[in-house]
Amino acid sequence: MFLQYYQDENGDRVYTLKVVKDMEMGEKRLEHQFTVTLENDHIRSWQGAVKMK
């Protein structure tokens, strides 16, 4: 699992949480991805879903 962060063209912060599963032979598969865009520390948009167990 890792978190990526960047600023978009509007200067808003975009965070992406990725959950990656290790597969056979060293391959990795993206299990879940959740992205949140913050505008002045308020959520402007989000996409994706995180499945809870």
PDB file of N, CA and C in Angstrom:
ATOM      1  N   MET A   1       0.858  -1.165   0.000  1.00  0.00           N
ATOM      2  CA  MET A   1       0.000   0.000   0.000  1.00  0.00           C
ATOM      3  C   MET A   1       0.908   1.232   0.000  1.00  0.00           C
ATOM      4  N   PHE A   2       0.578   2.203  -0.816  1.00  0.00           N
ATOM      5  CA  PHE A   2       1.365   3.431  -0.809  1.00  0.00           C
ATOM      6  C   PHE A   2       0.492   4.619  -1.184  1.00  0.00           C
ATOM      7  N   LEU A   3       0.973   5.789  -0.811  1.00  0.00           N
ATOM      8  CA  LEU A   3       0.241   7.039  -1.018  1.00  0.00           C
ATOM      9  C   LEU A   3       1.052   7.929  -1.942  1.00  0.00           C
ATOM     10  N   GLN A   4       0.425   8.411  -3.012  1.00  0.00           N
ATOM     11  CA  GLN A   4       1.070   9.362  -3.916  1.00  0.00           C
ATOM     12  C   GLN A   4       0.401  10.726  -3.728  1.00  0.00           C
ATOM     13  N   TYR A   5       1.164  11.778  -3.958  1.00  0.00           N
ATOM     14  CA  TYR A   5       0.657  13.139  -3.773  1.00  0.00           C
ATOM     15  C   TYR A   5       1.243  14.031  -4.861  1.00  0.00           C
ATOM     16  N   TYR A   6       0.418  14.894  -5.412  1.00  0.00           N
ATOM     17  CA  TYR A   6       0.911  15.916  -6.338  1.00  0.00           C
ATOM     18  C   TYR A   6      -0.055  17.095  -6.328  1.00  0.00           C
ATOM     19  N   GLN A   7       0.386  18.212  -6.898  1.00  0.00           N
ATOM     20  CA  GLN A   7      -0.486  19.372  -7.047  1.00  0.00           C
ATOM     21  C   GLN A   7      -0.918  19.457  -8.498  1.00  0.00           C
ATOM     22  N   ASP A   8      -2.222  19.650  -8.707  1.00  0.00           N
ATOM     23  CA  ASP A   8      -2.725  19.734 -10.076  1.00  0.00           C
ATOM     24  C   ASP A   8      -2.554  21.142 -10.628  1.00  0.00           C
ATOM     25  N   GLU A   9      -3.074  21.361 -11.825  1.00  0.00           N
ATOM     26  CA  GLU A   9      -2.885  22.659 -12.497  1.00  0.00           C
ATOM     27  C   GLU A   9      -3.542  23.820 -11.771  1.00  0.00           C
ATOM     28  N   ASN A  10      -4.506  23.530 -10.873  1.00  0.00           N
ATOM     29  CA  ASN A  10      -5.164  24.581 -10.091  1.00  0.00           C
ATOM     30  C   ASN A  10      -4.477  24.827  -8.754  1.00  0.00           C
ATOM     31  N   GLY A  11      -3.414  24.072  -8.485  1.00  0.00           N
ATOM     32  CA  GLY A  11      -2.730  24.201  -7.205  1.00  0.00           C
ATOM     33  C   GLY A  11      -3.385  23.393  -6.102  1.00  0.00           C
ATOM     34  N   ASP A  12      -4.380  22.576  -6.452  1.00  0.00           N
ATOM     35  CA  ASP A  12      -5.048  21.734  -5.470  1.00  0.00           C
ATOM     36  C   ASP A  12      -4.214  20.474  -5.233  1.00  0.00           C
ATOM     37  N   ARG A  13      -4.288  19.962  -4.020  1.00  0.00           N
ATOM     38  CA  ARG A  13      -3.537  18.756  -3.681  1.00  0.00           C
ATOM     39  C   ARG A  13      -4.355  17.517  -4.032  1.00  0.00           C
ATOM     40  N   VAL A  14      -3.719  16.568  -4.681  1.00  0.00           N
ATOM     41  CA  VAL A  14      -4.374  15.323  -5.084  1.00  0.00           C
ATOM     42  C   VAL A  14      -3.616  14.167  -4.428  1.00  0.00           C
ATOM     43  N   TYR A  15      -4.315  13.388  -3.617  1.00  0.00           N
ATOM     44  CA  TYR A  15      -3.728  12.234  -2.947  1.00  0.00           C
ATOM     45  C   TYR A  15      -4.323  10.964  -3.536  1.00  0.00           C
ATOM     46  N   THR A  16      -3.484   9.996  -3.840  1.00  0.00           N
ATOM     47  CA  THR A  16      -3.946   8.707  -4.355  1.00  0.00           C
ATOM     48  C   THR A  16      -3.388   7.598  -3.480  1.00  0.00           C
ATOM     49  N   LEU A  17      -4.290   6.825  -2.895  1.00  0.00           N
ATOM     50  CA  LEU A  17      -3.907   5.661  -2.109  1.00  0.00           C
ATOM     51  C   LEU A  17      -4.065   4.433  -2.989  1.00  0.00           C
ATOM     52  N   LYS A  18      -2.986   3.656  -3.124  1.00  0.00           N
ATOM     53  CA  LYS A  18      -3.028   2.453  -3.952  1.00  0.00           C
ATOM     54  C   LYS A  18      -2.714   1.237  -3.087  1.00  0.00           C
ATOM     55  N   VAL A  19      -3.533   0.209  -3.252  1.00  0.00           N
ATOM     56  CA  VAL A  19      -3.312  -1.060  -2.572  1.00  0.00           C
ATOM     57  C   VAL A  19      -2.880  -2.056  -3.639  1.00  0.00           C
ATOM     58  N   VAL A  20      -1.664  -2.553  -3.509  1.00  0.00           N
ATOM     59  CA  VAL A  20      -1.082  -3.430  -4.514  1.00  0.00           C
ATOM     60  C   VAL A  20      -0.863  -4.806  -3.890  1.00  0.00           C
ATOM     61  N   LYS A  21      -1.218  -5.839  -4.634  1.00  0.00           N
ATOM     62  CA  LYS A  21      -1.036  -7.207  -4.160  1.00  0.00           C
ATOM     63  C   LYS A  21       0.131  -7.847  -4.910  1.00  0.00           C
ATOM     64  N   ASP A  22       1.032  -8.488  -4.151  1.00  0.00           N
ATOM     65  CA  ASP A  22       2.143  -9.206  -4.767  1.00  0.00           C
ATOM     66  C   ASP A  22       1.628 -10.513  -5.348  1.00  0.00           C
ATOM     67  N   MET A  23       1.971 -10.761  -6.599  1.00  0.00           N
ATOM     68  CA  MET A  23       1.542 -11.974  -7.282  1.00  0.00           C
ATOM     69  C   MET A  23       2.745 -12.892  -7.472  1.00  0.00           C
ATOM     70  N   GLU A  24       2.516 -14.006  -8.137  1.00  0.00           N
ATOM     71  CA  GLU A  24       3.607 -14.940  -8.419  1.00  0.00           C
ATOM     72  C   GLU A  24       4.621 -14.296  -9.370  1.00  0.00           C
ATOM     73  N   MET A  25       5.843 -14.765  -9.300  1.00  0.00           N
ATOM     74  CA  MET A  25       6.923 -14.328 -10.195  1.00  0.00           C
ATOM     75  C   MET A  25       7.186 -12.826 -10.107  1.00  0.00           C
ATOM     76  N   GLY A  26       6.985 -12.233  -8.926  1.00  0.00           N
ATOM     77  CA  GLY A  26       7.337 -10.844  -8.701  1.00  0.00           C
ATOM     78  C   GLY A  26       6.389  -9.823  -9.304  1.00  0.00           C
ATOM     79  N   GLU A  27       5.299 -10.267  -9.902  1.00  0.00           N
ATOM     80  CA  GLU A  27       4.340  -9.324 -10.487  1.00  0.00           C
ATOM     81  C   GLU A  27       3.538  -8.654  -9.379  1.00  0.00           C
ATOM     82  N   LYS A  28       3.059  -7.466  -9.677  1.00  0.00           N
ATOM     83  CA  LYS A  28       2.210  -6.738  -8.738  1.00  0.00           C
ATOM     84  C   LYS A  28       0.904  -6.391  -9.439  1.00  0.00           C
ATOM     85  N   ARG A  29      -0.195  -6.488  -8.706  1.00  0.00           N
ATOM     86  CA  ARG A  29      -1.500  -6.179  -9.274  1.00  0.00           C
ATOM     87  C   ARG A  29      -2.179  -5.123  -8.407  1.00  0.00           C
ATOM     88  N   LEU A  30      -2.738  -4.108  -9.054  1.00  0.00           N
ATOM     89  CA  LEU A  30      -3.456  -3.052  -8.345  1.00  0.00           C
ATOM     90  C   LEU A  30      -4.798  -3.596  -7.874  1.00  0.00           C
ATOM     91  N   GLU A  31      -4.988  -3.629  -6.553  1.00  0.00           N
ATOM     92  CA  GLU A  31      -6.218  -4.148  -5.975  1.00  0.00           C
ATOM     93  C   GLU A  31      -7.274  -3.045  -5.841  1.00  0.00           C
ATOM     94  N   HIS A  32      -6.885  -1.929  -5.257  1.00  0.00           N
ATOM     95  CA  HIS A  32      -7.810  -0.819  -5.029  1.00  0.00           C
ATOM     96  C   HIS A  32      -7.070   0.490  -5.259  1.00  0.00           C
ATOM     97  N   GLN A  33      -7.796   1.498  -5.684  1.00  0.00           N
ATOM     98  CA  GLN A  33      -7.218   2.840  -5.815  1.00  0.00           C
ATOM     99  C   GLN A  33      -8.281   3.838  -5.378  1.00  0.00           C
ATOM    100  N   PHE A  34      -7.882   4.787  -4.542  1.00  0.00           N
ATOM    101  CA  PHE A  34      -8.795   5.793  -4.017  1.00  0.00           C
ATOM    102  C   PHE A  34      -8.102   7.138  -4.134  1.00  0.00           C
ATOM    103  N   THR A  35      -8.749   8.103  -4.800  1.00  0.00           N
ATOM    104  CA  THR A  35      -8.147   9.416  -5.036  1.00  0.00           C
ATOM    105  C   THR A  35      -9.016  10.509  -4.420  1.00  0.00           C
ATOM    106  N   VAL A  36      -8.374  11.413  -3.695  1.00  0.00           N
ATOM    107  CA  VAL A  36      -9.057  12.551  -3.080  1.00  0.00           C
ATOM    108  C   VAL A  36      -8.372  13.832  -3.543  1.00  0.00           C
ATOM    109  N   THR A  37      -9.154  14.823  -3.965  1.00  0.00           N
ATOM    110  CA  THR A  37      -8.619  16.125  -4.348  1.00  0.00           C
ATOM    111  C   THR A  37      -9.053  17.150  -3.302  1.00  0.00           C
ATOM    112  N   LEU A  38      -8.067  17.853  -2.738  1.00  0.00           N
ATOM    113  CA  LEU A  38      -8.340  18.864  -1.718  1.00  0.00           C
ATOM    114  C   LEU A  38      -8.158  20.258  -2.302  1.00  0.00           C
ATOM    115  N   GLU A  39      -9.140  21.107  -2.074  1.00  0.00           N
ATOM    116  CA  GLU A  39      -9.088  22.499  -2.498  1.00  0.00           C
ATOM    117  C   GLU A  39      -9.190  23.343  -1.239  1.00  0.00           C
ATOM    118  N   ASN A  40      -8.107  24.031  -0.883  1.00  0.00           N
ATOM    119  CA  ASN A  40      -8.050  24.804   0.364  1.00  0.00           C
ATOM    120  C   ASN A  40      -8.421  23.945   1.567  1.00  0.00           C
ATOM    121  N   ASP A  41      -7.856  22.740   1.624  1.00  0.00           N
ATOM    122  CA  ASP A  41      -8.055  21.786   2.713  1.00  0.00           C
ATOM    123  C   ASP A  41      -9.486  21.263   2.826  1.00  0.00           C
ATOM    124  N   HIS A  42     -10.292  21.434   1.789  1.00  0.00           N
ATOM    125  CA  HIS A  42     -11.640  20.862   1.746  1.00  0.00           C
ATOM    126  C   HIS A  42     -11.694  19.889   0.578  1.00  0.00           C
ATOM    127  N   ILE A  43     -12.419  18.799   0.756  1.00  0.00           N
ATOM    128  CA  ILE A  43     -12.508  17.807  -0.315  1.00  0.00           C
ATOM    129  C   ILE A  43     -13.294  18.395  -1.481  1.00  0.00           C
ATOM    130  N   ARG A  44     -12.647  18.460  -2.653  1.00  0.00           N
ATOM    131  CA  ARG A  44     -13.311  18.929  -3.869  1.00  0.00           C
ATOM    132  C   ARG A  44     -13.923  17.756  -4.616  1.00  0.00           C
ATOM    133  N   SER A  45     -13.197  16.655  -4.675  1.00  0.00           N
ATOM    134  CA  SER A  45     -13.721  15.472  -5.355  1.00  0.00           C
ATOM    135  C   SER A  45     -13.008  14.239  -4.838  1.00  0.00           C
ATOM    136  N   TRP A  46     -13.648  13.101  -5.036  1.00  0.00           N
ATOM    137  CA  TRP A  46     -13.017  11.831  -4.711  1.00  0.00           C
ATOM    138  C   TRP A  46     -13.535  10.791  -5.680  1.00  0.00           C
ATOM    139  N   GLN A  47     -12.751   9.751  -5.877  1.00  0.00           N
ATOM    140  CA  GLN A  47     -13.198   8.664  -6.728  1.00  0.00           C
ATOM    141  C   GLN A  47     -12.546   7.371  -6.268  1.00  0.00           C
ATOM    142  N   GLY A  48     -13.244   6.288  -6.538  1.00  0.00           N
ATOM    143  CA  GLY A  48     -12.771   4.989  -6.115  1.00  0.00           C
ATOM    144  C   GLY A  48     -13.499   4.545  -4.866  1.00  0.00           C
ATOM    145  N   ALA A  49     -13.218   3.350  -4.480  1.00  0.00           N
ATOM    146  CA  ALA A  49     -13.844   2.796  -3.279  1.00  0.00           C
ATOM    147  C   ALA A  49     -12.830   1.893  -2.598  1.00  0.00           C
ATOM    148  N   VAL A  50     -12.901   1.866  -1.308  1.00  0.00           N
ATOM    149  CA  VAL A  50     -12.042   0.995  -0.528  1.00  0.00           C
ATOM    150  C   VAL A  50     -12.938  -0.034   0.135  1.00  0.00           C
ATOM    151  N   LYS A  51     -12.668  -1.300  -0.149  1.00  0.00           N
ATOM    152  CA  LYS A  51     -13.471  -2.384   0.400  1.00  0.00           C
ATOM    153  C   LYS A  51     -12.914  -2.749   1.772  1.00  0.00           C
ATOM    154  N   MET A  52     -13.749  -2.710   2.774  1.00  0.00           N
ATOM    155  CA  MET A  52     -13.331  -3.055   4.129  1.00  0.00           C
ATOM    156  C   MET A  52     -13.682  -4.514   4.399  1.00  0.00           C
ATOM    157  N   LYS A  53     -12.793  -5.196   5.112  1.00  0.00           N
ATOM    158  CA  LYS A  53     -13.054  -6.601   5.464  1.00  0.00           C
ATOM    159  C   LYS A  53     -13.322  -6.710   6.943  1.00  0.00           C
TER     160      LYS A  53
END
